[in-house]
């Protein structure tokens, strides 16, 4: 473990934090990024927020019960293969069980059995729909958030660090010009200006890189359109089959 390197990184992070506080509280001078770049970065933040809201809302629609979502998450983490029953499947199972308890050969037993089997079929179809929608919509969207949105966020953070480092270098130049003695003035000021030029080049390079990454994020976001078509198709198929099953149930109960 390189303790000197860790200490240096911690010191840099602390200096940046002090700079940010100074800018927020004391209105200290800071370099302003190009407005076009700022707008592009803001749009990338908006895209990330939109994707996170979409993912959360579609996930809640597919699995409305938060406890079930948490249970499913834990199962996925540990690769558990325990049986997953949705509400309709559970309802159907209970109806079939109580119909057997009451007597399947009785009129009420037959009704409960018919109803239970119908609910199990609809529940199984709902499970299939949930799995399809998760695979075709939620998982690609989650990957987009984890990879491309995170990459844009990291680049924005790195750009902010470059901006802070450049402003710190500018202040070092002013400090060297006012505090250096006559004997050391030329050397200290030249060294400070050299550091300022280096940080400026790093800032300019990172600005263009971040701009490109955020622009590419917008392009990639627009390519997610097919996900909505797949979700709509899966939803249509489920409700179409569910309507047929409920119609069949109605007919059997009326016999």
C-alpha atoms as a PDB file:
ATOM      1  CA  UNK A   1       0.000   0.000   0.000  1.00  0.00           C
ATOM      2  CA  UNK A   2       1.430   3.376  -1.058  1.00  0.00           C
ATOM      3  CA  UNK A   3       0.644   5.563   1.975  1.00  0.00           C
ATOM      4  CA  UNK A   4       2.315   8.603   0.434  1.00  0.00           C
ATOM      5  CA  UNK A   5       0.074   8.345  -2.648  1.00  0.00           C
ATOM      6  CA  UNK A   6      -3.035   7.857  -0.513  1.00  0.00           C
ATOM      7  CA  UNK A   7      -2.086  10.873   1.584  1.00  0.00           C
ATOM      8  CA  UNK A   8      -1.548  12.977  -1.535  1.00  0.00           C
ATOM      9  CA  UNK A   9      -4.929  11.960  -2.970  1.00  0.00           C
ATOM     10  CA  UNK A  10      -6.643  12.751   0.329  1.00  0.00           C
ATOM     11  CA  UNK A  11      -4.966  16.158   0.418  1.00  0.00           C
ATOM     12  CA  UNK A  12      -6.056  16.921  -3.153  1.00  0.00           C
ATOM     13  CA  UNK A  13      -9.634  15.897  -2.368  1.00  0.00           C
ATOM     14  CA  UNK A  14      -9.652  18.109   0.734  1.00  0.00           C
ATOM     15  CA  UNK A  15      -8.296  21.090  -1.224  1.00  0.00           C
ATOM     16  CA  UNK A  16     -11.013  20.637  -3.846  1.00  0.00           C
ATOM     17  CA  UNK A  17     -13.665  20.473  -1.142  1.00  0.00           C
ATOM     18  CA  UNK A  18     -12.373  23.718   0.372  1.00  0.00           C
ATOM     19  CA  UNK A  19     -12.507  25.332  -3.083  1.00  0.00           C
ATOM     20  CA  UNK A  20     -16.114  24.244  -3.650  1.00  0.00           C
ATOM     21  CA  UNK A  21     -17.156  25.553  -0.229  1.00  0.00           C
ATOM     22  CA  UNK A  22     -15.398  28.832  -0.958  1.00  0.00           C
ATOM     23  CA  UNK A  23     -17.217  29.177  -4.271  1.00  0.00           C
ATOM     24  CA  UNK A  24     -20.604  28.373  -2.758  1.00  0.00           C
ATOM     25  CA  UNK A  25     -20.304  30.346   0.478  1.00  0.00           C
ATOM     26  CA  UNK A  26     -17.843  33.147  -0.219  1.00  0.00           C
ATOM     27  CA  UNK A  27     -18.524  33.546  -3.954  1.00  0.00           C
ATOM     28  CA  UNK A  28     -14.862  32.894  -4.712  1.00  0.00           C
ATOM     29  CA  UNK A  29     -13.767  33.357  -8.323  1.00  0.00           C
ATOM     30  CA  UNK A  30     -14.174  30.260 -10.475  1.00  0.00           C
ATOM     31  CA  UNK A  31     -13.750  29.371 -14.141  1.00  0.00           C
ATOM     32  CA  UNK A  32     -17.055  29.162 -16.011  1.00  0.00           C
ATOM     33  CA  UNK A  33     -17.393  26.391 -18.554  1.00  0.00           C
ATOM     34  CA  UNK A  34     -18.731  27.049 -22.043  1.00  0.00           C
ATOM     35  CA  UNK A  35     -22.540  27.360 -21.890  1.00  0.00           C
ATOM     36  CA  UNK A  36     -23.029  24.884 -24.719  1.00  0.00           C
ATOM     37  CA  UNK A  37     -21.051  22.287 -22.785  1.00  0.00           C
ATOM     38  CA  UNK A  38     -23.015  23.049 -19.610  1.00  0.00           C
ATOM     39  CA  UNK A  39     -26.318  22.571 -21.442  1.00  0.00           C
ATOM     40  CA  UNK A  40     -25.156  19.268 -22.938  1.00  0.00           C
ATOM     41  CA  UNK A  41     -24.052  18.038 -19.506  1.00  0.00           C
ATOM     42  CA  UNK A  42     -27.336  19.125 -17.918  1.00  0.00           C
ATOM     43  CA  UNK A  43     -29.212  17.165 -20.564  1.00  0.00           C
ATOM     44  CA  UNK A  44     -27.168  14.064 -19.744  1.00  0.00           C
ATOM     45  CA  UNK A  45     -28.160  14.461 -16.087  1.00  0.00           C
ATOM     46  CA  UNK A  46     -31.797  14.785 -17.144  1.00  0.00           C
ATOM     47  CA  UNK A  47     -31.546  11.628 -19.274  1.00  0.00           C
ATOM     48  CA  UNK A  48     -30.178   9.692 -16.301  1.00  0.00           C
ATOM     49  CA  UNK A  49     -33.009  10.893 -14.057  1.00  0.00           C
ATOM     50  CA  UNK A  50     -35.604   9.992 -16.710  1.00  0.00           C
ATOM     51  CA  UNK A  51     -34.178   6.486 -17.105  1.00  0.00           C
ATOM     52  CA  UNK A  52     -34.099   5.905 -13.355  1.00  0.00           C
ATOM     53  CA  UNK A  53     -37.732   7.038 -13.027  1.00  0.00           C
ATOM     54  CA  UNK A  54     -38.798   4.851 -15.947  1.00  0.00           C
ATOM     55  CA  UNK A  55     -37.032   1.817 -14.528  1.00  0.00           C
ATOM     56  CA  UNK A  56     -38.525   2.321 -11.070  1.00  0.00           C
ATOM     57  CA  UNK A  57     -42.074   2.844 -12.367  1.00  0.00           C
ATOM     58  CA  UNK A  58     -42.048  -0.102 -14.802  1.00  0.00           C
ATOM     59  CA  UNK A  59     -40.545  -2.363 -12.128  1.00  0.00           C
ATOM     60  CA  UNK A  60     -43.260  -1.286  -9.678  1.00  0.00           C
ATOM     61  CA  UNK A  61     -45.905  -1.974 -12.349  1.00  0.00           C
ATOM     62  CA  UNK A  62     -44.566  -5.454 -13.077  1.00  0.00           C
ATOM     63  CA  UNK A  63     -44.148  -6.351  -9.390  1.00  0.00           C
ATOM     64  CA  UNK A  64     -46.421  -4.003  -7.382  1.00  0.00           C
ATOM     65  CA  UNK A  65     -45.581  -5.453  -3.951  1.00  0.00           C
ATOM     66  CA  UNK A  66     -42.346  -3.883  -2.568  1.00  0.00           C
ATOM     67  CA  UNK A  67     -41.794  -6.894  -0.298  1.00  0.00           C
ATOM     68  CA  UNK A  68     -41.951  -9.237  -3.288  1.00  0.00           C
ATOM     69  CA  UNK A  69     -39.534  -7.016  -5.222  1.00  0.00           C
ATOM     70  CA  UNK A  70     -37.100  -7.176  -2.296  1.00  0.00           C
ATOM     71  CA  UNK A  71     -37.531 -10.952  -2.062  1.00  0.00           C
ATOM     72  CA  UNK A  72     -36.927 -11.360  -5.789  1.00  0.00           C
ATOM     73  CA  UNK A  73     -33.829  -9.175  -5.556  1.00  0.00           C
ATOM     74  CA  UNK A  74     -32.386 -11.311  -2.750  1.00  0.00           C
ATOM     75  CA  UNK A  75     -33.135 -14.483  -4.708  1.00  0.00           C
ATOM     76  CA  UNK A  76     -31.405 -13.078  -7.766  1.00  0.00           C
ATOM     77  CA  UNK A  77     -28.357 -12.048  -5.730  1.00  0.00           C
ATOM     78  CA  UNK A  78     -27.975 -15.529  -4.276  1.00  0.00           C
ATOM     79  CA  UNK A  79     -29.183 -17.321  -7.425  1.00  0.00           C
ATOM     80  CA  UNK A  80     -31.962 -18.957  -5.419  1.00  0.00           C
ATOM     81  CA  UNK A  81     -34.332 -21.157  -7.392  1.00  0.00           C
ATOM     82  CA  UNK A  82     -37.267 -21.028  -4.988  1.00  0.00           C
ATOM     83  CA  UNK A  83     -40.695 -20.983  -6.572  1.00  0.00           C
ATOM     84  CA  UNK A  84     -42.071 -17.519  -7.273  1.00  0.00           C
ATOM     85  CA  UNK A  85     -45.851 -17.157  -7.173  1.00  0.00           C
ATOM     86  CA  UNK A  86     -47.639 -13.967  -8.044  1.00  0.00           C
ATOM     87  CA  UNK A  87     -50.945 -12.937  -6.470  1.00  0.00           C
ATOM     88  CA  UNK A  88     -53.128 -14.645  -9.084  1.00  0.00           C
ATOM     89  CA  UNK A  89     -51.217 -17.911  -8.841  1.00  0.00           C
ATOM     90  CA  UNK A  90     -51.477 -17.797  -5.047  1.00  0.00           C
ATOM     91  CA  UNK A  91     -55.208 -17.076  -5.291  1.00  0.00           C
ATOM     92  CA  UNK A  92     -55.684 -19.959  -7.705  1.00  0.00           C
ATOM     93  CA  UNK A  93     -53.711 -22.321  -5.486  1.00  0.00           C
ATOM     94  CA  UNK A  94     -55.800 -21.424  -2.439  1.00  0.00           C
ATOM     95  CA  UNK A  95     -59.061 -21.880  -4.380  1.00  0.00           C
ATOM     96  CA  UNK A  96     -58.000 -25.325  -5.618  1.00  0.00           C
ATOM     97  CA  UNK A  97     -56.901 -26.332  -2.106  1.00  0.00           C
ATOM     98  CA  UNK A  98     -60.145 -25.253  -0.412  1.00  0.00           C
ATOM     99  CA  UNK A  99     -62.200 -26.856  -3.180  1.00  0.00           C
ATOM    100  CA  UNK A 100     -60.534 -30.165  -2.336  1.00  0.00           C
ATOM    101  CA  UNK A 101     -61.132 -29.560   1.364  1.00  0.00           C
ATOM    102  CA  UNK A 102     -64.804 -28.824   0.771  1.00  0.00           C
ATOM    103  CA  UNK A 103     -65.238 -31.574  -1.793  1.00  0.00           C
ATOM    104  CA  UNK A 104     -64.549 -31.293  -5.520  1.00  0.00           C
ATOM    105  CA  UNK A 105     -67.630 -33.357  -6.304  1.00  0.00           C
ATOM    106  CA  UNK A 106     -69.907 -30.783  -4.665  1.00  0.00           C
ATOM    107  CA  UNK A 107     -71.333 -27.818  -6.581  1.00  0.00           C
ATOM    108  CA  UNK A 108     -69.353 -25.256  -4.546  1.00  0.00           C
ATOM    109  CA  UNK A 109     -66.219 -27.388  -4.748  1.00  0.00           C
ATOM    110  CA  UNK A 110     -66.451 -27.541  -8.550  1.00  0.00           C
ATOM    111  CA  UNK A 111     -66.968 -23.765  -8.793  1.00  0.00           C
ATOM    112  CA  UNK A 112     -63.953 -23.026  -6.598  1.00  0.00           C
ATOM    113  CA  UNK A 113     -61.845 -25.549  -8.517  1.00  0.00           C
ATOM    114  CA  UNK A 114     -62.797 -24.064 -11.898  1.00  0.00           C
ATOM    115  CA  UNK A 115     -62.132 -20.545 -10.639  1.00  0.00           C
ATOM    116  CA  UNK A 116     -58.828 -21.562  -9.065  1.00  0.00           C
ATOM    117  CA  UNK A 117     -57.487 -23.259 -12.195  1.00  0.00           C
ATOM    118  CA  UNK A 118     -58.445 -20.216 -14.266  1.00  0.00           C
ATOM    119  CA  UNK A 119     -56.591 -17.885 -11.880  1.00  0.00           C
ATOM    120  CA  UNK A 120     -53.526 -20.124 -11.981  1.00  0.00           C
ATOM    121  CA  UNK A 121     -53.490 -19.972 -15.789  1.00  0.00           C
ATOM    122  CA  UNK A 122     -53.866 -16.188 -15.805  1.00  0.00           C
ATOM    123  CA  UNK A 123     -51.205 -15.929 -13.092  1.00  0.00           C
ATOM    124  CA  UNK A 124     -48.823 -18.096 -15.097  1.00  0.00           C
ATOM    125  CA  UNK A 125     -49.397 -15.875 -18.139  1.00  0.00           C
ATOM    126  CA  UNK A 126     -48.761 -12.820 -15.973  1.00  0.00           C
ATOM    127  CA  UNK A 127     -45.507 -14.382 -14.792  1.00  0.00           C
ATOM    128  CA  UNK A 128     -44.495 -14.937 -18.409  1.00  0.00           C
ATOM    129  CA  UNK A 129     -45.349 -11.313 -19.223  1.00  0.00           C
ATOM    130  CA  UNK A 130     -43.326 -10.076 -16.247  1.00  0.00           C
ATOM    131  CA  UNK A 131     -40.311 -12.151 -17.295  1.00  0.00           C
ATOM    132  CA  UNK A 132     -40.539 -10.965 -20.914  1.00  0.00           C
ATOM    133  CA  UNK A 133     -40.936  -7.319 -19.917  1.00  0.00           C
ATOM    134  CA  UNK A 134     -38.064  -7.558 -17.459  1.00  0.00           C
ATOM    135  CA  UNK A 135     -35.760  -9.125 -20.051  1.00  0.00           C
ATOM    136  CA  UNK A 136     -36.755  -6.861 -22.956  1.00  0.00           C
ATOM    137  CA  UNK A 137     -37.205  -3.540 -21.119  1.00  0.00           C
ATOM    138  CA  UNK A 138     -35.903  -3.399 -17.543  1.00  0.00           C
ATOM    139  CA  UNK A 139     -32.609  -5.226 -18.016  1.00  0.00           C
ATOM    140  CA  UNK A 140     -31.466  -3.228 -21.100  1.00  0.00           C
ATOM    141  CA  UNK A 141     -32.497   0.010 -19.393  1.00  0.00           C
ATOM    142  CA  UNK A 142     -30.636  -0.967 -16.220  1.00  0.00           C
ATOM    143  CA  UNK A 143     -27.538  -1.734 -18.296  1.00  0.00           C
ATOM    144  CA  UNK A 144     -27.833   1.661 -20.013  1.00  0.00           C
ATOM    145  CA  UNK A 145     -27.948   3.348 -16.592  1.00  0.00           C
ATOM    146  CA  UNK A 146     -25.095   1.281 -15.159  1.00  0.00           C
ATOM    147  CA  UNK A 147     -22.767   1.693 -18.142  1.00  0.00           C
ATOM    148  CA  UNK A 148     -23.468   4.760 -20.276  1.00  0.00           C
ATOM    149  CA  UNK A 149     -25.137   7.026 -17.711  1.00  0.00           C
ATOM    150  CA  UNK A 150     -22.473   6.147 -15.142  1.00  0.00           C
ATOM    151  CA  UNK A 151     -19.722   6.835 -17.684  1.00  0.00           C
ATOM    152  CA  UNK A 152     -21.188  10.287 -18.362  1.00  0.00           C
ATOM    153  CA  UNK A 153     -21.472  10.977 -14.625  1.00  0.00           C
ATOM    154  CA  UNK A 154     -17.835   9.975 -14.066  1.00  0.00           C
ATOM    155  CA  UNK A 155     -16.712  12.210 -16.922  1.00  0.00           C
ATOM    156  CA  UNK A 156     -18.673  15.175 -15.520  1.00  0.00           C
ATOM    157  CA  UNK A 157     -17.079  14.594 -12.119  1.00  0.00           C
ATOM    158  CA  UNK A 158     -13.601  14.406 -13.631  1.00  0.00           C
ATOM    159  CA  UNK A 159     -14.240  17.620 -15.565  1.00  0.00           C
ATOM    160  CA  UNK A 160     -15.238  19.392 -12.355  1.00  0.00           C
ATOM    161  CA  UNK A 161     -12.004  18.197 -10.746  1.00  0.00           C
ATOM    162  CA  UNK A 162     -10.012  19.523 -13.716  1.00  0.00           C
ATOM    163  CA  UNK A 163     -11.781  22.846 -13.398  1.00  0.00           C
ATOM    164  CA  UNK A 164     -10.998  23.045  -9.671  1.00  0.00           C
ATOM    165  CA  UNK A 165      -7.351  22.110 -10.276  1.00  0.00           C
ATOM    166  CA  UNK A 166      -7.022  24.811 -12.940  1.00  0.00           C
ATOM    167  CA  UNK A 167      -8.492  27.458 -10.640  1.00  0.00           C
ATOM    168  CA  UNK A 168      -6.113  26.361  -7.886  1.00  0.00           C
ATOM    169  CA  UNK A 169      -3.185  26.717 -10.309  1.00  0.00           C
ATOM    170  CA  UNK A 170      -4.333  30.235 -11.245  1.00  0.00           C
ATOM    171  CA  UNK A 171      -4.358  31.216  -7.590  1.00  0.00           C
ATOM    172  CA  UNK A 172      -0.880  29.764  -7.146  1.00  0.00           C
ATOM    173  CA  UNK A 173       0.366  32.059  -9.922  1.00  0.00           C
ATOM    174  CA  UNK A 174      -1.116  35.128  -8.214  1.00  0.00           C
ATOM    175  CA  UNK A 175       0.282  33.979  -4.886  1.00  0.00           C
ATOM    176  CA  UNK A 176       3.753  33.495  -6.371  1.00  0.00           C
ATOM    177  CA  UNK A 177       3.667  36.941  -7.973  1.00  0.00           C
ATOM    178  CA  UNK A 178       2.783  38.678  -4.712  1.00  0.00           C
ATOM    179  CA  UNK A 179       4.730  36.626  -2.167  1.00  0.00           C
ATOM    180  CA  UNK A 180       7.951  35.557  -3.918  1.00  0.00           C
ATOM    181  CA  UNK A 181      11.132  37.376  -3.021  1.00  0.00           C
ATOM    182  CA  UNK A 182      13.228  39.174  -5.636  1.00  0.00           C
ATOM    183  CA  UNK A 183      15.718  36.308  -5.634  1.00  0.00           C
ATOM    184  CA  UNK A 184      13.098  33.588  -6.233  1.00  0.00           C
ATOM    185  CA  UNK A 185      10.464  35.581  -8.155  1.00  0.00           C
ATOM    186  CA  UNK A 186      11.325  34.466 -11.695  1.00  0.00           C
ATOM    187  CA  UNK A 187      11.740  30.801 -10.755  1.00  0.00           C
ATOM    188  CA  UNK A 188       8.577  30.506  -8.630  1.00  0.00           C
ATOM    189  CA  UNK A 189       6.357  32.451 -11.020  1.00  0.00           C
ATOM    190  CA  UNK A 190       7.627  30.493 -14.041  1.00  0.00           C
ATOM    191  CA  UNK A 191       6.985  27.211 -12.232  1.00  0.00           C
ATOM    192  CA  UNK A 192       3.485  28.319 -11.191  1.00  0.00           C
ATOM    193  CA  UNK A 193       2.641  29.450 -14.734  1.00  0.00           C
ATOM    194  CA  UNK A 194       3.913  26.166 -16.138  1.00  0.00           C
ATOM    195  CA  UNK A 195       1.545  24.320 -13.785  1.00  0.00           C
ATOM    196  CA  UNK A 196      -1.284  26.673 -14.784  1.00  0.00           C
ATOM    197  CA  UNK A 197      -0.709  25.967 -18.494  1.00  0.00           C
ATOM    198  CA  UNK A 198      -0.686  22.218 -17.832  1.00  0.00           C
ATOM    199  CA  UNK A 199      -3.957  22.361 -15.899  1.00  0.00           C
ATOM    200  CA  UNK A 200      -5.531  24.513 -18.615  1.00  0.00           C
ATOM    201  CA  UNK A 201      -4.640  21.952 -21.294  1.00  0.00           C
ATOM    202  CA  UNK A 202      -6.064  19.176 -19.118  1.00  0.00           C
ATOM    203  CA  UNK A 203      -9.251  21.182 -18.601  1.00  0.00           C
ATOM    204  CA  UNK A 204      -9.674  21.888 -22.313  1.00  0.00           C
ATOM    205  CA  UNK A 205      -9.078  18.230 -23.207  1.00  0.00           C
ATOM    206  CA  UNK A 206     -11.501  16.970 -20.552  1.00  0.00           C
ATOM    207  CA  UNK A 207     -14.119  19.531 -21.591  1.00  0.00           C
ATOM    208  CA  UNK A 208     -14.171  18.240 -25.160  1.00  0.00           C
ATOM    209  CA  UNK A 209     -14.104  14.620 -24.012  1.00  0.00           C
ATOM    210  CA  UNK A 210     -17.013  15.154 -21.613  1.00  0.00           C
ATOM    211  CA  UNK A 211     -18.967  17.035 -24.250  1.00  0.00           C
ATOM    212  CA  UNK A 212     -18.586  14.120 -26.660  1.00  0.00           C
ATOM    213  CA  UNK A 213     -19.528  11.501 -24.041  1.00  0.00           C
ATOM    214  CA  UNK A 214     -22.659  13.431 -23.033  1.00  0.00           C
ATOM    215  CA  UNK A 215     -23.665  13.921 -26.668  1.00  0.00           C
ATOM    216  CA  UNK A 216     -23.232  10.201 -27.300  1.00  0.00           C
ATOM    217  CA  UNK A 217     -25.427   9.490 -24.269  1.00  0.00           C
ATOM    218  CA  UNK A 218     -28.267  11.449 -25.879  1.00  0.00           C
ATOM    219  CA  UNK A 219     -27.834   9.511 -29.130  1.00  0.00           C
ATOM    220  CA  UNK A 220     -27.820   6.182 -27.286  1.00  0.00           C
ATOM    221  CA  UNK A 221     -30.905   7.164 -25.284  1.00  0.00           C
ATOM    222  CA  UNK A 222     -32.875   7.716 -28.486  1.00  0.00           C
ATOM    223  CA  UNK A 223     -31.926   4.196 -29.582  1.00  0.00           C
ATOM    224  CA  UNK A 224     -33.921   2.808 -26.642  1.00  0.00           C
ATOM    225  CA  UNK A 225     -37.176   3.376 -28.548  1.00  0.00           C
ATOM    226  CA  UNK A 226     -37.544  -0.350 -29.479  1.00  0.00           C
ATOM    227  CA  UNK A 227     -37.716  -1.190 -25.766  1.00  0.00           C
ATOM    228  CA  UNK A 228     -41.077   0.554 -25.531  1.00  0.00           C
ATOM    229  CA  UNK A 229     -42.371  -1.338 -28.558  1.00  0.00           C
ATOM    230  CA  UNK A 230     -41.346  -4.639 -26.963  1.00  0.00           C
ATOM    231  CA  UNK A 231     -43.014  -3.696 -23.683  1.00  0.00           C
ATOM    232  CA  UNK A 232     -46.232  -2.770 -25.494  1.00  0.00           C
ATOM    233  CA  UNK A 233     -46.170  -6.017 -27.484  1.00  0.00           C
ATOM    234  CA  UNK A 234     -45.680  -8.153 -24.367  1.00  0.00           C
ATOM    235  CA  UNK A 235     -48.411  -6.251 -22.577  1.00  0.00           C
ATOM    236  CA  UNK A 236     -50.838  -6.684 -25.472  1.00  0.00           C
ATOM    237  CA  UNK A 237     -50.175 -10.429 -25.664  1.00  0.00           C
ATOM    238  CA  UNK A 238     -50.773 -10.867 -21.934  1.00  0.00           C
ATOM    239  CA  UNK A 239     -54.037  -8.928 -21.828  1.00  0.00           C
ATOM    240  CA  UNK A 240     -55.306 -10.637 -24.974  1.00  0.00           C
ATOM    241  CA  UNK A 241     -54.786 -14.097 -23.455  1.00  0.00           C
ATOM    242  CA  UNK A 242     -56.096 -12.945 -20.061  1.00  0.00           C
ATOM    243  CA  UNK A 243     -59.289 -11.689 -21.712  1.00  0.00           C
ATOM    244  CA  UNK A 244     -59.819 -15.085 -23.366  1.00  0.00           C
ATOM    245  CA  UNK A 245     -59.222 -16.903 -20.077  1.00  0.00           C
ATOM    246  CA  UNK A 246     -61.661 -14.714 -18.158  1.00  0.00           C
ATOM    247  CA  UNK A 247     -64.245 -15.142 -20.934  1.00  0.00           C
ATOM    248  CA  UNK A 248     -63.838 -18.932 -20.727  1.00  0.00           C
ATOM    249  CA  UNK A 249     -64.189 -18.738 -16.946  1.00  0.00           C
ATOM    250  CA  UNK A 250     -67.389 -16.744 -17.288  1.00  0.00           C
ATOM    251  CA  UNK A 251     -68.829 -19.344 -19.665  1.00  0.00           C
ATOM    252  CA  UNK A 252     -67.936 -22.273 -17.387  1.00  0.00           C
ATOM    253  CA  UNK A 253     -69.422 -20.562 -14.333  1.00  0.00           C
ATOM    254  CA  UNK A 254     -72.654 -19.933 -16.254  1.00  0.00           C
ATOM    255  CA  UNK A 255     -73.046 -23.555 -17.359  1.00  0.00           C
END
